[in-house]
């Protein structure tokens, strides 16, 4: 099976970072490749672009949570490091959705599922998630759906 396009882009970015001797960027890219390799070994698959996007999205989410904790602890140098990793990882994610695009996706999912109450949250999330993964923060998406259903 041929290697995914996104994985090839990440490998090329790693080579470029090595040539440029950009240690911070190289470290973030290597973390991403290690996480992708872990999925390949654990799941015994060659992940496609959609799977790699979800891996990178999860990594960004983890770093955002770390930033909150580091800010609380007053560890500004670690906040900067995590933010740098987020910036590098986001280069490989699809363009973020605008507020209007996100609202349109949620509205169409609400109409398509006929959701009326919080009991329908799972149906709506199931429809929305594939369209927004890697392009929007799922916590924000969830909150918007909850407010629309309540």
N, C-alpha and C. Protein backbone atom coordinates (compact mmCIF):
# COMPACT_ATOMS: atom_id res chain seq x y z
N UNK A 1 0.86 -1.18 0.00
CA UNK A 1 0.00 0.00 0.00
C UNK A 1 0.90 1.24 0.00
N UNK A 2 0.63 2.21 -0.87
CA UNK A 2 1.48 3.41 -0.91
C UNK A 2 1.30 4.26 0.35
N UNK A 3 2.37 4.94 0.70
CA UNK A 3 2.36 5.81 1.87
C UNK A 3 1.41 6.99 1.63
N UNK A 4 0.73 7.43 2.68
CA UNK A 4 -0.22 8.53 2.52
C UNK A 4 0.50 9.82 2.15
N UNK A 5 -0.21 10.68 1.48
CA UNK A 5 0.34 11.96 1.04
C UNK A 5 0.74 12.81 2.25
N UNK A 6 -0.09 12.81 3.25
CA UNK A 6 0.18 13.61 4.44
C UNK A 6 1.44 13.11 5.16
N UNK A 7 1.60 11.80 5.24
CA UNK A 7 2.80 11.25 5.88
C UNK A 7 4.04 11.63 5.07
N UNK A 8 3.94 11.61 3.77
CA UNK A 8 5.07 12.03 2.92
C UNK A 8 5.42 13.49 3.17
N UNK A 9 4.40 14.35 3.32
CA UNK A 9 4.64 15.76 3.61
C UNK A 9 5.35 15.93 4.95
N UNK A 10 4.94 15.16 5.93
CA UNK A 10 5.56 15.25 7.25
C UNK A 10 7.01 14.79 7.18
N UNK A 11 7.27 13.70 6.45
CA UNK A 11 8.65 13.23 6.28
C UNK A 11 9.52 14.26 5.58
N UNK A 12 8.96 14.91 4.55
CA UNK A 12 9.71 15.95 3.85
C UNK A 12 10.00 17.14 4.77
N UNK A 13 9.02 17.49 5.58
CA UNK A 13 9.21 18.60 6.53
C UNK A 13 10.29 18.24 7.55
N UNK A 14 10.35 16.96 7.93
CA UNK A 14 11.39 16.54 8.86
C UNK A 14 12.78 16.71 8.22
N UNK A 15 12.90 16.30 6.97
CA UNK A 15 14.18 16.45 6.27
C UNK A 15 14.57 17.92 6.15
N UNK A 16 13.59 18.77 5.84
CA UNK A 16 13.86 20.21 5.73
C UNK A 16 14.31 20.79 7.07
N UNK A 17 13.66 20.35 8.14
CA UNK A 17 14.03 20.84 9.48
C UNK A 17 15.44 20.37 9.85
N UNK A 18 15.80 19.16 9.43
CA UNK A 18 17.14 18.65 9.70
C UNK A 18 18.18 19.48 8.96
N UNK A 19 17.89 19.78 7.69
CA UNK A 19 18.82 20.58 6.88
C UNK A 19 18.97 21.98 7.46
N UNK A 20 17.88 22.53 7.96
CA UNK A 20 17.90 23.89 8.50
C UNK A 20 18.41 23.92 9.95
N UNK A 21 18.64 22.73 10.52
CA UNK A 21 19.09 22.62 11.91
C UNK A 21 18.13 23.32 12.89
N UNK A 22 16.85 23.20 12.59
CA UNK A 22 15.79 23.78 13.42
C UNK A 22 15.35 22.71 14.42
N UNK A 23 15.99 22.69 15.59
CA UNK A 23 15.78 21.62 16.57
C UNK A 23 14.35 21.59 17.11
N UNK A 24 13.78 22.75 17.38
CA UNK A 24 12.43 22.79 17.94
C UNK A 24 11.42 22.22 16.95
N UNK A 25 11.50 22.63 15.70
CA UNK A 25 10.59 22.14 14.67
C UNK A 25 10.81 20.65 14.44
N UNK A 26 12.07 20.25 14.38
CA UNK A 26 12.41 18.85 14.16
C UNK A 26 11.84 17.98 15.27
N UNK A 27 11.95 18.45 16.51
CA UNK A 27 11.42 17.69 17.64
C UNK A 27 9.91 17.49 17.54
N UNK A 28 9.20 18.53 17.18
CA UNK A 28 7.74 18.43 17.05
C UNK A 28 7.35 17.48 15.92
N UNK A 29 8.06 17.55 14.82
CA UNK A 29 7.76 16.66 13.68
C UNK A 29 8.06 15.21 14.04
N UNK A 30 9.17 15.00 14.75
CA UNK A 30 9.51 13.64 15.16
C UNK A 30 8.47 13.08 16.13
N UNK A 31 7.94 13.93 17.00
CA UNK A 31 6.86 13.47 17.90
C UNK A 31 5.65 13.01 17.09
N UNK A 32 5.31 13.76 16.05
CA UNK A 32 4.17 13.40 15.21
C UNK A 32 4.43 12.08 14.49
N UNK A 33 5.63 11.93 13.95
CA UNK A 33 5.95 10.68 13.24
C UNK A 33 5.97 9.49 14.20
N UNK A 34 6.44 9.72 15.42
CA UNK A 34 6.44 8.64 16.41
C UNK A 34 5.01 8.22 16.75
N UNK A 35 4.12 9.18 16.88
CA UNK A 35 2.73 8.88 17.18
C UNK A 35 2.08 8.11 16.02
N UNK A 36 2.40 8.51 14.80
CA UNK A 36 1.87 7.81 13.61
C UNK A 36 2.41 6.38 13.58
N UNK A 37 3.69 6.23 13.85
CA UNK A 37 4.32 4.90 13.87
C UNK A 37 3.68 4.02 14.95
N UNK A 38 3.38 4.61 16.10
CA UNK A 38 2.74 3.87 17.19
C UNK A 38 1.39 3.32 16.74
N UNK A 39 0.62 4.14 16.01
CA UNK A 39 -0.67 3.69 15.50
C UNK A 39 -0.47 2.57 14.48
N UNK A 40 0.53 2.72 13.62
CA UNK A 40 0.81 1.68 12.62
C UNK A 40 1.10 0.34 13.30
N UNK A 41 1.91 0.37 14.35
CA UNK A 41 2.28 -0.86 15.05
C UNK A 41 1.11 -1.41 15.86
N UNK A 42 0.45 -0.55 16.64
CA UNK A 42 -0.65 -0.99 17.50
C UNK A 42 -1.83 -1.53 16.71
N UNK A 43 -2.19 -0.84 15.64
CA UNK A 43 -3.38 -1.22 14.88
C UNK A 43 -3.06 -2.08 13.66
N UNK A 44 -1.77 -2.25 13.39
CA UNK A 44 -1.30 -3.04 12.24
C UNK A 44 -1.93 -2.59 10.94
N UNK A 45 -1.91 -1.27 10.77
CA UNK A 45 -2.45 -0.67 9.54
C UNK A 45 -1.46 0.36 9.03
N UNK A 46 -1.64 0.75 7.80
CA UNK A 46 -0.91 1.89 7.25
C UNK A 46 -1.93 3.02 7.21
N UNK A 47 -1.87 3.97 8.17
CA UNK A 47 -2.94 4.96 8.28
C UNK A 47 -3.06 5.85 7.04
N UNK A 48 -4.31 6.14 6.69
CA UNK A 48 -4.56 7.05 5.58
C UNK A 48 -4.54 8.49 6.09
N UNK A 49 -4.74 9.43 5.18
CA UNK A 49 -4.68 10.85 5.55
C UNK A 49 -5.70 11.21 6.62
N UNK A 50 -6.89 10.63 6.56
CA UNK A 50 -7.92 10.94 7.54
C UNK A 50 -7.49 10.48 8.93
N UNK A 51 -6.90 9.29 9.02
CA UNK A 51 -6.44 8.77 10.31
C UNK A 51 -5.28 9.60 10.84
N UNK A 52 -4.36 9.98 9.97
CA UNK A 52 -3.22 10.81 10.38
C UNK A 52 -3.72 12.17 10.86
N UNK A 53 -4.72 12.72 10.19
CA UNK A 53 -5.29 14.00 10.61
C UNK A 53 -5.87 13.88 12.02
N UNK A 54 -6.56 12.78 12.29
CA UNK A 54 -7.14 12.61 13.63
C UNK A 54 -6.04 12.43 14.68
N UNK A 55 -4.94 11.79 14.32
CA UNK A 55 -3.80 11.64 15.24
C UNK A 55 -3.22 13.01 15.57
N UNK A 56 -2.99 13.82 14.53
CA UNK A 56 -2.43 15.16 14.73
C UNK A 56 -3.38 16.04 15.53
N UNK A 57 -4.67 15.92 15.25
CA UNK A 57 -5.67 16.69 15.99
C UNK A 57 -5.65 16.34 17.47
N UNK A 58 -5.51 15.06 17.76
CA UNK A 58 -5.44 14.61 19.16
C UNK A 58 -4.18 15.18 19.83
N UNK A 59 -3.07 15.20 19.09
CA UNK A 59 -1.83 15.74 19.65
C UNK A 59 -1.97 17.23 19.97
N UNK A 60 -2.64 17.98 19.09
CA UNK A 60 -2.86 19.41 19.32
C UNK A 60 -3.73 19.60 20.57
N UNK A 61 -4.76 18.78 20.69
CA UNK A 61 -5.65 18.88 21.86
C UNK A 61 -4.87 18.61 23.14
N UNK A 62 -4.01 17.60 23.13
CA UNK A 62 -3.21 17.29 24.32
C UNK A 62 -2.31 18.47 24.69
N UNK A 63 -1.74 19.11 23.69
CA UNK A 63 -0.85 20.23 23.96
C UNK A 63 -1.62 21.44 24.50
N UNK A 64 -2.84 21.64 24.02
CA UNK A 64 -3.66 22.74 24.55
C UNK A 64 -3.97 22.50 26.03
N UNK A 65 -4.27 21.26 26.38
CA UNK A 65 -4.53 20.93 27.78
C UNK A 65 -3.27 21.15 28.62
N UNK A 66 -2.11 20.77 28.08
CA UNK A 66 -0.85 20.97 28.79
C UNK A 66 -0.59 22.45 29.02
N UNK A 67 -0.89 23.26 28.01
CA UNK A 67 -0.67 24.71 28.13
C UNK A 67 -1.48 25.26 29.29
N UNK A 68 -2.74 24.84 29.41
CA UNK A 68 -3.57 25.31 30.53
C UNK A 68 -2.93 24.98 31.86
N UNK A 69 -2.41 23.76 31.98
CA UNK A 69 -1.79 23.34 33.24
C UNK A 69 -0.49 24.11 33.49
N UNK A 70 0.31 24.30 32.45
CA UNK A 70 1.57 25.02 32.61
C UNK A 70 1.33 26.49 32.96
N UNK A 71 0.28 27.08 32.38
CA UNK A 71 -0.04 28.47 32.71
C UNK A 71 -0.44 28.60 34.18
N UNK A 72 -1.21 27.64 34.66
CA UNK A 72 -1.61 27.63 36.06
C UNK A 72 -0.40 27.52 36.97
N UNK A 73 0.59 26.73 36.54
CA UNK A 73 1.80 26.52 37.34
C UNK A 73 2.84 27.63 37.13
N UNK A 74 2.58 28.55 36.20
CA UNK A 74 3.51 29.63 35.94
C UNK A 74 4.76 29.20 35.19
N UNK A 75 4.65 28.16 34.37
CA UNK A 75 5.80 27.64 33.62
C UNK A 75 5.76 28.17 32.19
N UNK A 76 6.14 29.42 32.02
CA UNK A 76 6.04 30.09 30.73
C UNK A 76 6.92 29.45 29.66
N UNK A 77 8.09 28.93 30.04
CA UNK A 77 8.97 28.31 29.04
C UNK A 77 8.34 27.05 28.47
N UNK A 78 7.60 26.30 29.30
CA UNK A 78 6.92 25.11 28.81
C UNK A 78 5.69 25.47 27.98
N UNK A 79 5.05 26.56 28.33
CA UNK A 79 3.92 27.05 27.53
C UNK A 79 4.41 27.39 26.12
N UNK A 80 5.54 28.08 26.06
CA UNK A 80 6.10 28.46 24.75
C UNK A 80 6.47 27.23 23.93
N UNK A 81 7.04 26.22 24.57
CA UNK A 81 7.42 24.99 23.88
C UNK A 81 6.19 24.28 23.33
N UNK A 82 5.17 24.15 24.15
CA UNK A 82 3.94 23.47 23.72
C UNK A 82 3.26 24.25 22.58
N UNK A 83 3.26 25.58 22.68
CA UNK A 83 2.66 26.41 21.63
C UNK A 83 3.42 26.24 20.32
N UNK A 84 4.73 26.14 20.40
CA UNK A 84 5.54 25.91 19.21
C UNK A 84 5.17 24.57 18.56
N UNK A 85 4.98 23.55 19.38
CA UNK A 85 4.60 22.24 18.85
C UNK A 85 3.22 22.31 18.20
N UNK A 86 2.30 23.03 18.80
CA UNK A 86 0.97 23.20 18.20
C UNK A 86 1.09 23.88 16.84
N UNK A 87 1.90 24.94 16.76
CA UNK A 87 2.08 25.66 15.50
C UNK A 87 2.61 24.73 14.40
N UNK A 88 3.59 23.89 14.75
CA UNK A 88 4.17 22.97 13.78
C UNK A 88 3.13 21.93 13.35
N UNK A 89 2.42 21.35 14.31
CA UNK A 89 1.43 20.32 13.99
C UNK A 89 0.30 20.86 13.13
N UNK A 90 -0.11 22.11 13.40
CA UNK A 90 -1.22 22.68 12.65
C UNK A 90 -0.87 22.94 11.18
N UNK A 91 0.40 22.98 10.86
CA UNK A 91 0.80 23.13 9.46
C UNK A 91 0.33 21.95 8.63
N UNK A 92 0.17 20.79 9.26
CA UNK A 92 -0.21 19.58 8.54
C UNK A 92 -1.70 19.28 8.62
N UNK A 93 -2.42 20.07 9.39
CA UNK A 93 -3.87 19.90 9.51
C UNK A 93 -4.57 20.75 8.46
N UNK A 94 -5.78 20.38 8.08
CA UNK A 94 -6.54 21.19 7.13
C UNK A 94 -6.84 22.58 7.70
N UNK A 95 -7.14 23.50 6.81
CA UNK A 95 -7.47 24.87 7.22
C UNK A 95 -8.65 24.86 8.19
N UNK A 96 -8.52 25.62 9.27
CA UNK A 96 -9.57 25.67 10.28
C UNK A 96 -10.86 26.24 9.69
N UNK A 97 -11.98 25.76 10.22
CA UNK A 97 -13.29 26.24 9.77
C UNK A 97 -13.56 27.62 10.36
N UNK A 98 -14.24 28.45 9.57
CA UNK A 98 -14.67 29.74 10.09
C UNK A 98 -15.92 29.52 10.94
N UNK A 99 -16.30 30.55 11.69
CA UNK A 99 -17.49 30.46 12.53
C UNK A 99 -18.73 30.11 11.69
N UNK A 100 -18.85 30.77 10.53
CA UNK A 100 -20.01 30.56 9.67
C UNK A 100 -20.04 29.13 9.13
N UNK A 101 -18.87 28.63 8.69
CA UNK A 101 -18.81 27.27 8.16
C UNK A 101 -19.18 26.25 9.23
N UNK A 102 -18.66 26.44 10.43
CA UNK A 102 -18.96 25.53 11.53
C UNK A 102 -20.45 25.56 11.87
N UNK A 103 -21.01 26.75 11.95
CA UNK A 103 -22.44 26.87 12.24
C UNK A 103 -23.29 26.21 11.15
N UNK A 104 -22.88 26.34 9.90
CA UNK A 104 -23.62 25.73 8.79
C UNK A 104 -23.58 24.21 8.89
N UNK A 105 -22.42 23.65 9.22
CA UNK A 105 -22.30 22.19 9.35
C UNK A 105 -23.19 21.69 10.49
N UNK A 106 -23.17 22.39 11.61
CA UNK A 106 -23.99 21.99 12.76
C UNK A 106 -25.47 22.10 12.43
N UNK A 107 -25.85 23.19 11.77
CA UNK A 107 -27.27 23.38 11.41
C UNK A 107 -27.76 22.29 10.48
N UNK A 108 -26.96 21.96 9.47
CA UNK A 108 -27.39 20.92 8.53
C UNK A 108 -27.48 19.56 9.22
N UNK A 109 -26.57 19.30 10.17
CA UNK A 109 -26.64 18.04 10.91
C UNK A 109 -27.88 17.99 11.80
N UNK A 110 -28.22 19.12 12.40
CA UNK A 110 -29.43 19.18 13.24
C UNK A 110 -30.67 18.91 12.40
N UNK A 111 -30.72 19.49 11.20
CA UNK A 111 -31.87 19.28 10.31
C UNK A 111 -31.92 17.84 9.83
N UNK A 112 -30.78 17.31 9.40
CA UNK A 112 -30.74 15.96 8.84
C UNK A 112 -31.13 14.89 9.86
N UNK A 113 -30.74 15.10 11.11
CA UNK A 113 -31.05 14.10 12.14
C UNK A 113 -32.40 14.35 12.79
N UNK A 114 -32.94 15.54 12.62
CA UNK A 114 -34.20 15.88 13.25
C UNK A 114 -34.06 15.99 14.76
N UNK A 115 -32.87 16.33 15.21
CA UNK A 115 -32.57 16.40 16.64
C UNK A 115 -33.43 17.46 17.32
N UNK A 116 -33.98 17.07 18.47
CA UNK A 116 -34.82 17.97 19.23
C UNK A 116 -34.32 18.21 20.65
N UNK A 117 -33.63 17.21 21.21
CA UNK A 117 -33.22 17.31 22.62
C UNK A 117 -31.80 16.79 22.80
N UNK A 118 -31.33 16.87 24.03
CA UNK A 118 -29.99 16.40 24.35
C UNK A 118 -29.83 14.90 24.10
N UNK A 119 -30.93 14.17 24.07
CA UNK A 119 -30.86 12.74 23.79
C UNK A 119 -30.36 12.47 22.37
N UNK A 120 -30.50 13.44 21.50
CA UNK A 120 -30.08 13.30 20.11
C UNK A 120 -28.64 13.76 19.88
N UNK A 121 -27.95 14.14 20.94
CA UNK A 121 -26.59 14.67 20.85
C UNK A 121 -25.65 13.71 20.10
N UNK A 122 -25.74 12.42 20.41
CA UNK A 122 -24.87 11.42 19.78
C UNK A 122 -25.06 11.36 18.27
N UNK A 123 -26.31 11.42 17.83
CA UNK A 123 -26.60 11.39 16.39
C UNK A 123 -25.97 12.59 15.69
N UNK A 124 -26.13 13.76 16.29
CA UNK A 124 -25.63 14.99 15.69
C UNK A 124 -24.10 14.97 15.66
N UNK A 125 -23.49 14.59 16.78
CA UNK A 125 -22.02 14.52 16.85
C UNK A 125 -21.48 13.52 15.83
N UNK A 126 -22.17 12.41 15.66
CA UNK A 126 -21.76 11.40 14.69
C UNK A 126 -21.73 11.93 13.28
N UNK A 127 -22.65 12.84 12.97
CA UNK A 127 -22.68 13.45 11.64
C UNK A 127 -21.67 14.57 11.49
N UNK A 128 -21.50 15.34 12.54
CA UNK A 128 -20.64 16.52 12.48
C UNK A 128 -19.15 16.16 12.53
N UNK A 129 -18.81 15.19 13.36
CA UNK A 129 -17.40 14.89 13.61
C UNK A 129 -16.57 14.61 12.35
N UNK A 130 -17.02 13.77 11.43
CA UNK A 130 -16.19 13.52 10.24
C UNK A 130 -15.93 14.79 9.41
N UNK A 131 -16.86 15.72 9.45
CA UNK A 131 -16.72 16.94 8.65
C UNK A 131 -15.79 17.97 9.30
N UNK A 132 -15.59 17.88 10.61
CA UNK A 132 -14.82 18.92 11.29
C UNK A 132 -13.52 18.44 11.91
N UNK A 133 -13.25 17.14 11.91
CA UNK A 133 -12.06 16.63 12.58
C UNK A 133 -10.79 17.29 12.01
N UNK A 134 -9.99 17.81 12.89
CA UNK A 134 -8.77 18.49 12.49
C UNK A 134 -8.98 19.92 12.04
N UNK A 135 -10.23 20.33 11.91
CA UNK A 135 -10.52 21.66 11.42
C UNK A 135 -11.20 22.54 12.46
N UNK A 136 -11.61 21.92 13.58
CA UNK A 136 -12.26 22.67 14.65
C UNK A 136 -12.03 21.93 15.96
N UNK A 137 -12.02 22.67 17.05
CA UNK A 137 -11.86 22.09 18.38
C UNK A 137 -13.17 21.38 18.73
N UNK A 138 -13.08 20.08 18.99
CA UNK A 138 -14.28 19.30 19.24
C UNK A 138 -15.02 19.75 20.51
N UNK A 139 -14.30 20.32 21.47
CA UNK A 139 -14.96 20.83 22.67
C UNK A 139 -15.88 21.99 22.31
N UNK A 140 -15.42 22.84 21.40
CA UNK A 140 -16.23 23.98 20.95
C UNK A 140 -17.43 23.47 20.16
N UNK A 141 -17.20 22.49 19.29
CA UNK A 141 -18.28 21.91 18.50
C UNK A 141 -19.34 21.31 19.42
N UNK A 142 -18.90 20.54 20.39
CA UNK A 142 -19.82 19.92 21.35
C UNK A 142 -20.64 20.97 22.09
N UNK A 143 -19.97 22.02 22.53
CA UNK A 143 -20.66 23.09 23.27
C UNK A 143 -21.71 23.77 22.38
N UNK A 144 -21.38 24.00 21.12
CA UNK A 144 -22.35 24.64 20.21
C UNK A 144 -23.56 23.74 19.98
N UNK A 145 -23.32 22.44 19.84
CA UNK A 145 -24.43 21.52 19.62
C UNK A 145 -25.32 21.49 20.87
N UNK A 146 -24.69 21.43 22.03
CA UNK A 146 -25.46 21.44 23.29
C UNK A 146 -26.32 22.68 23.41
N UNK A 147 -25.76 23.83 23.09
CA UNK A 147 -26.55 25.06 23.19
C UNK A 147 -27.68 25.08 22.17
N UNK A 148 -27.46 24.49 21.01
CA UNK A 148 -28.53 24.44 20.00
C UNK A 148 -29.65 23.49 20.42
N UNK A 149 -29.30 22.43 21.14
CA UNK A 149 -30.29 21.44 21.54
C UNK A 149 -31.00 21.81 22.84
N UNK A 150 -30.46 22.74 23.61
CA UNK A 150 -31.11 23.06 24.88
C UNK A 150 -32.04 24.25 24.77
